[in-house]
Amino acid sequence: MDPSMILMLVLMFAMLYFFMIRPENKRKKEAQSLRDSLKVGDVVTTIGGIVGTICKVSESTIVVETSADRVRMEFTKWAVSSKNVPPTEESPAK
């Protein structure tokens, strides 16, 4: 085999690692740290689009209160896609 061919293969695998594998591992670590940092009172959005406030946290699940009617649903932690800023006082209607 030609040494330049071997060098090209090594470069291709290095590019694959830096452009695909490494960013994916970074995203997984960020998602896991988000899920580990969940606490009561956080406002979260699930992967299904449900937005609510956490009212109970256990090792692998959370209970989310979704509305003023106090509807509570239990989700596994991996179903959380993002943590939002908790709502402040609602502005009065105009």
N, C-alpha and C. Protein backbone atom coordinates (compact mmCIF):
# COMPACT_ATOMS: atom_id res chain seq x y z
N MET A 1 0.83 -1.19 0.00
CA MET A 1 0.00 0.00 0.00
C MET A 1 0.88 1.25 0.00
N ASP A 2 0.41 2.22 -0.66
CA ASP A 2 1.12 3.48 -0.76
C ASP A 2 1.02 4.26 0.55
N PRO A 3 2.11 4.85 1.05
CA PRO A 3 2.05 5.62 2.32
C PRO A 3 1.07 6.78 2.27
N SER A 4 0.90 7.38 1.10
CA SER A 4 -0.05 8.50 1.01
C SER A 4 -1.49 8.01 1.19
N MET A 5 -1.77 6.77 0.75
CA MET A 5 -3.10 6.18 0.92
C MET A 5 -3.38 5.93 2.40
N ILE A 6 -2.40 5.47 3.12
CA ILE A 6 -2.54 5.23 4.55
C ILE A 6 -2.77 6.55 5.28
N LEU A 7 -2.02 7.57 4.89
CA LEU A 7 -2.18 8.89 5.48
C LEU A 7 -3.59 9.43 5.23
N MET A 8 -4.12 9.25 4.04
CA MET A 8 -5.47 9.70 3.71
C MET A 8 -6.51 8.98 4.57
N LEU A 9 -6.36 7.68 4.77
CA LEU A 9 -7.29 6.93 5.62
C LEU A 9 -7.24 7.43 7.06
N VAL A 10 -6.05 7.67 7.57
CA VAL A 10 -5.91 8.18 8.94
C VAL A 10 -6.57 9.55 9.06
N LEU A 11 -6.36 10.42 8.07
CA LEU A 11 -6.99 11.73 8.09
C LEU A 11 -8.51 11.65 8.02
N MET A 12 -9.03 10.72 7.24
CA MET A 12 -10.47 10.56 7.14
C MET A 12 -11.06 10.11 8.47
N PHE A 13 -10.41 9.17 9.15
CA PHE A 13 -10.90 8.72 10.45
C PHE A 13 -10.79 9.82 11.50
N ALA A 14 -9.74 10.63 11.43
CA ALA A 14 -9.60 11.74 12.36
C ALA A 14 -10.72 12.76 12.14
N MET A 15 -11.03 13.05 10.88
CA MET A 15 -12.11 13.99 10.59
C MET A 15 -13.45 13.43 11.06
N LEU A 16 -13.68 12.15 10.85
CA LEU A 16 -14.90 11.50 11.32
C LEU A 16 -15.04 11.66 12.83
N TYR A 17 -13.95 11.45 13.54
CA TYR A 17 -13.97 11.57 14.99
C TYR A 17 -14.28 13.00 15.42
N PHE A 18 -13.58 13.98 14.88
CA PHE A 18 -13.73 15.36 15.32
C PHE A 18 -15.03 16.03 14.86
N PHE A 19 -15.62 15.58 13.75
CA PHE A 19 -16.83 16.20 13.26
C PHE A 19 -18.10 15.46 13.61
N MET A 20 -18.01 14.18 14.00
CA MET A 20 -19.23 13.42 14.29
C MET A 20 -19.25 12.81 15.68
N ILE A 21 -18.26 12.05 16.02
CA ILE A 21 -18.28 11.30 17.28
C ILE A 21 -18.08 12.20 18.48
N ARG A 22 -17.11 13.07 18.45
CA ARG A 22 -16.82 13.94 19.59
C ARG A 22 -17.98 14.89 19.93
N PRO A 23 -18.59 15.58 18.96
CA PRO A 23 -19.73 16.45 19.29
C PRO A 23 -20.92 15.67 19.87
N GLU A 24 -21.15 14.47 19.38
CA GLU A 24 -22.26 13.65 19.89
C GLU A 24 -22.01 13.27 21.36
N ASN A 25 -20.80 12.89 21.68
CA ASN A 25 -20.48 12.57 23.08
C ASN A 25 -20.63 13.79 23.97
N LYS A 26 -20.27 14.96 23.46
CA LYS A 26 -20.41 16.20 24.23
C LYS A 26 -21.88 16.49 24.51
N ARG A 27 -22.75 16.31 23.49
CA ARG A 27 -24.19 16.52 23.67
C ARG A 27 -24.77 15.56 24.70
N LYS A 28 -24.31 14.31 24.67
CA LYS A 28 -24.80 13.32 25.63
C LYS A 28 -24.41 13.69 27.06
N LYS A 29 -23.19 14.17 27.24
CA LYS A 29 -22.73 14.58 28.57
C LYS A 29 -23.53 15.78 29.07
N GLU A 30 -23.80 16.75 28.19
CA GLU A 30 -24.59 17.93 28.58
C GLU A 30 -26.00 17.53 28.96
N ALA A 31 -26.62 16.63 28.21
CA ALA A 31 -27.98 16.17 28.52
C ALA A 31 -28.01 15.44 29.85
N GLN A 32 -27.00 14.61 30.11
CA GLN A 32 -26.95 13.88 31.38
C GLN A 32 -26.75 14.83 32.56
N SER A 33 -25.91 15.84 32.40
CA SER A 33 -25.71 16.79 33.49
C SER A 33 -26.97 17.61 33.73
N LEU A 34 -27.73 17.93 32.67
CA LEU A 34 -29.01 18.61 32.83
C LEU A 34 -29.96 17.74 33.64
N ARG A 35 -30.06 16.47 33.31
CA ARG A 35 -30.98 15.57 34.01
C ARG A 35 -30.55 15.34 35.46
N ASP A 36 -29.25 15.33 35.70
CA ASP A 36 -28.77 15.15 37.08
C ASP A 36 -29.00 16.39 37.93
N SER A 37 -29.13 17.55 37.30
CA SER A 37 -29.27 18.80 38.06
C SER A 37 -30.72 19.21 38.29
N LEU A 38 -31.69 18.39 37.87
CA LEU A 38 -33.09 18.75 38.04
C LEU A 38 -33.45 18.81 39.52
N LYS A 39 -34.24 19.83 39.88
CA LYS A 39 -34.68 19.97 41.27
C LYS A 39 -36.10 20.50 41.30
N VAL A 40 -36.74 20.40 42.45
CA VAL A 40 -38.11 20.86 42.62
C VAL A 40 -38.18 22.36 42.32
N GLY A 41 -39.18 22.76 41.55
CA GLY A 41 -39.35 24.16 41.19
C GLY A 41 -38.84 24.51 39.80
N ASP A 42 -38.03 23.65 39.20
CA ASP A 42 -37.53 23.91 37.85
C ASP A 42 -38.68 23.77 36.85
N VAL A 43 -38.68 24.62 35.85
CA VAL A 43 -39.64 24.51 34.75
C VAL A 43 -38.95 23.78 33.62
N VAL A 44 -39.57 22.69 33.15
CA VAL A 44 -38.93 21.85 32.13
C VAL A 44 -39.88 21.65 30.95
N THR A 45 -39.27 21.28 29.82
CA THR A 45 -40.01 20.86 28.64
C THR A 45 -39.61 19.43 28.33
N THR A 46 -40.59 18.56 28.11
CA THR A 46 -40.28 17.17 27.80
C THR A 46 -40.07 17.01 26.30
N ILE A 47 -39.61 15.83 25.90
CA ILE A 47 -39.40 15.57 24.48
C ILE A 47 -40.71 15.53 23.72
N GLY A 48 -41.82 15.38 24.44
CA GLY A 48 -43.14 15.41 23.81
C GLY A 48 -43.74 16.80 23.75
N GLY A 49 -43.04 17.80 24.29
CA GLY A 49 -43.51 19.16 24.23
C GLY A 49 -44.33 19.61 25.43
N ILE A 50 -44.41 18.79 26.46
CA ILE A 50 -45.17 19.16 27.66
C ILE A 50 -44.30 20.05 28.54
N VAL A 51 -44.86 21.20 28.94
CA VAL A 51 -44.14 22.15 29.77
C VAL A 51 -44.77 22.14 31.15
N GLY A 52 -43.94 22.08 32.19
CA GLY A 52 -44.47 22.09 33.54
C GLY A 52 -43.39 22.33 34.56
N THR A 53 -43.82 22.43 35.82
CA THR A 53 -42.93 22.67 36.94
C THR A 53 -42.71 21.37 37.71
N ILE A 54 -41.49 21.07 38.04
CA ILE A 54 -41.18 19.85 38.78
C ILE A 54 -41.67 20.00 40.22
N CYS A 55 -42.42 19.00 40.70
CA CYS A 55 -42.87 19.05 42.09
C CYS A 55 -42.32 17.89 42.90
N LYS A 56 -41.67 16.90 42.26
CA LYS A 56 -41.04 15.79 42.99
C LYS A 56 -39.95 15.20 42.11
N VAL A 57 -38.80 14.90 42.73
CA VAL A 57 -37.68 14.30 42.00
C VAL A 57 -37.27 13.02 42.72
N SER A 58 -37.17 11.92 41.99
CA SER A 58 -36.61 10.69 42.54
C SER A 58 -35.39 10.31 41.71
N GLU A 59 -34.85 9.14 41.96
CA GLU A 59 -33.60 8.75 41.29
C GLU A 59 -33.73 8.69 39.77
N SER A 60 -34.83 8.12 39.26
CA SER A 60 -34.95 7.98 37.81
C SER A 60 -36.19 8.66 37.23
N THR A 61 -37.06 9.22 38.07
CA THR A 61 -38.27 9.86 37.57
C THR A 61 -38.47 11.23 38.19
N ILE A 62 -39.34 12.01 37.55
CA ILE A 62 -39.76 13.30 38.09
C ILE A 62 -41.28 13.38 37.96
N VAL A 63 -41.90 14.17 38.84
CA VAL A 63 -43.33 14.45 38.73
C VAL A 63 -43.45 15.91 38.34
N VAL A 64 -44.19 16.16 37.26
CA VAL A 64 -44.32 17.50 36.70
C VAL A 64 -45.77 17.95 36.85
N GLU A 65 -45.93 19.17 37.36
CA GLU A 65 -47.26 19.80 37.46
C GLU A 65 -47.39 20.71 36.25
N THR A 66 -48.44 20.47 35.43
CA THR A 66 -48.49 21.13 34.13
C THR A 66 -49.36 22.36 34.03
N SER A 67 -50.26 22.57 34.97
CA SER A 67 -51.15 23.73 34.80
C SER A 67 -51.67 24.22 36.14
N ALA A 68 -52.47 25.26 36.09
CA ALA A 68 -53.07 25.80 37.30
C ALA A 68 -54.08 24.83 37.89
N ASP A 69 -54.53 23.86 37.11
CA ASP A 69 -55.46 22.85 37.61
C ASP A 69 -54.75 21.76 38.42
N ARG A 70 -53.43 21.92 38.58
CA ARG A 70 -52.60 21.00 39.36
C ARG A 70 -52.60 19.58 38.78
N VAL A 71 -52.57 19.50 37.47
CA VAL A 71 -52.46 18.20 36.80
C VAL A 71 -51.02 17.74 36.95
N ARG A 72 -50.83 16.56 37.51
CA ARG A 72 -49.47 16.03 37.73
C ARG A 72 -49.25 14.78 36.90
N MET A 73 -48.08 14.71 36.27
CA MET A 73 -47.69 13.56 35.47
C MET A 73 -46.28 13.14 35.86
N GLU A 74 -46.05 11.84 35.83
CA GLU A 74 -44.73 11.31 36.15
C GLU A 74 -44.00 10.95 34.86
N PHE A 75 -42.76 11.39 34.77
CA PHE A 75 -41.91 11.11 33.61
C PHE A 75 -40.59 10.52 34.08
N THR A 76 -39.96 9.75 33.20
CA THR A 76 -38.58 9.37 33.47
C THR A 76 -37.71 10.58 33.16
N LYS A 77 -36.56 10.66 33.80
CA LYS A 77 -35.69 11.83 33.61
C LYS A 77 -35.21 11.98 32.17
N TRP A 78 -35.05 10.87 31.46
CA TRP A 78 -34.54 10.99 30.09
C TRP A 78 -35.54 11.65 29.16
N ALA A 79 -36.81 11.82 29.60
CA ALA A 79 -37.82 12.47 28.77
C ALA A 79 -37.71 14.00 28.80
N VAL A 80 -36.84 14.55 29.65
CA VAL A 80 -36.68 16.00 29.73
C VAL A 80 -35.75 16.45 28.62
N SER A 81 -36.23 17.42 27.82
CA SER A 81 -35.37 17.90 26.74
C SER A 81 -34.69 19.21 27.09
N SER A 82 -35.34 20.06 27.91
CA SER A 82 -34.70 21.32 28.27
C SER A 82 -35.25 21.85 29.58
N LYS A 83 -34.44 22.70 30.21
CA LYS A 83 -34.86 23.36 31.44
C LYS A 83 -35.06 24.82 31.08
N ASN A 84 -36.23 25.36 31.43
CA ASN A 84 -36.59 26.73 31.08
C ASN A 84 -36.45 27.64 32.29
N VAL A 85 -36.54 28.93 32.04
CA VAL A 85 -36.53 29.91 33.12
C VAL A 85 -37.89 29.87 33.81
N PRO A 86 -37.92 29.77 35.16
CA PRO A 86 -39.22 29.74 35.84
C PRO A 86 -40.00 31.02 35.57
N PRO A 87 -41.32 30.89 35.46
CA PRO A 87 -42.13 32.08 35.16
C PRO A 87 -42.13 33.05 36.35
N THR A 88 -42.13 34.32 36.04
CA THR A 88 -42.22 35.34 37.08
C THR A 88 -43.67 35.81 37.12
N GLU A 89 -43.92 36.89 37.84
CA GLU A 89 -45.28 37.41 37.91
C GLU A 89 -45.80 37.71 36.52
N GLU A 90 -47.00 37.26 36.26
CA GLU A 90 -47.60 37.50 34.96
C GLU A 90 -47.94 38.97 34.82
N SER A 91 -47.69 39.52 33.67
CA SER A 91 -48.04 40.91 33.45
C SER A 91 -49.55 41.02 33.28
N PRO A 92 -50.16 42.08 33.78
CA PRO A 92 -51.61 42.21 33.66
C PRO A 92 -52.03 42.35 32.21
N ALA A 93 -53.22 41.83 31.93
CA ALA A 93 -53.74 41.88 30.55
C ALA A 93 -54.07 43.33 30.19
N LYS A 94 -53.84 43.68 28.95
CA LYS A 94 -54.10 45.05 28.50
C LYS A 94 -55.49 45.18 27.95
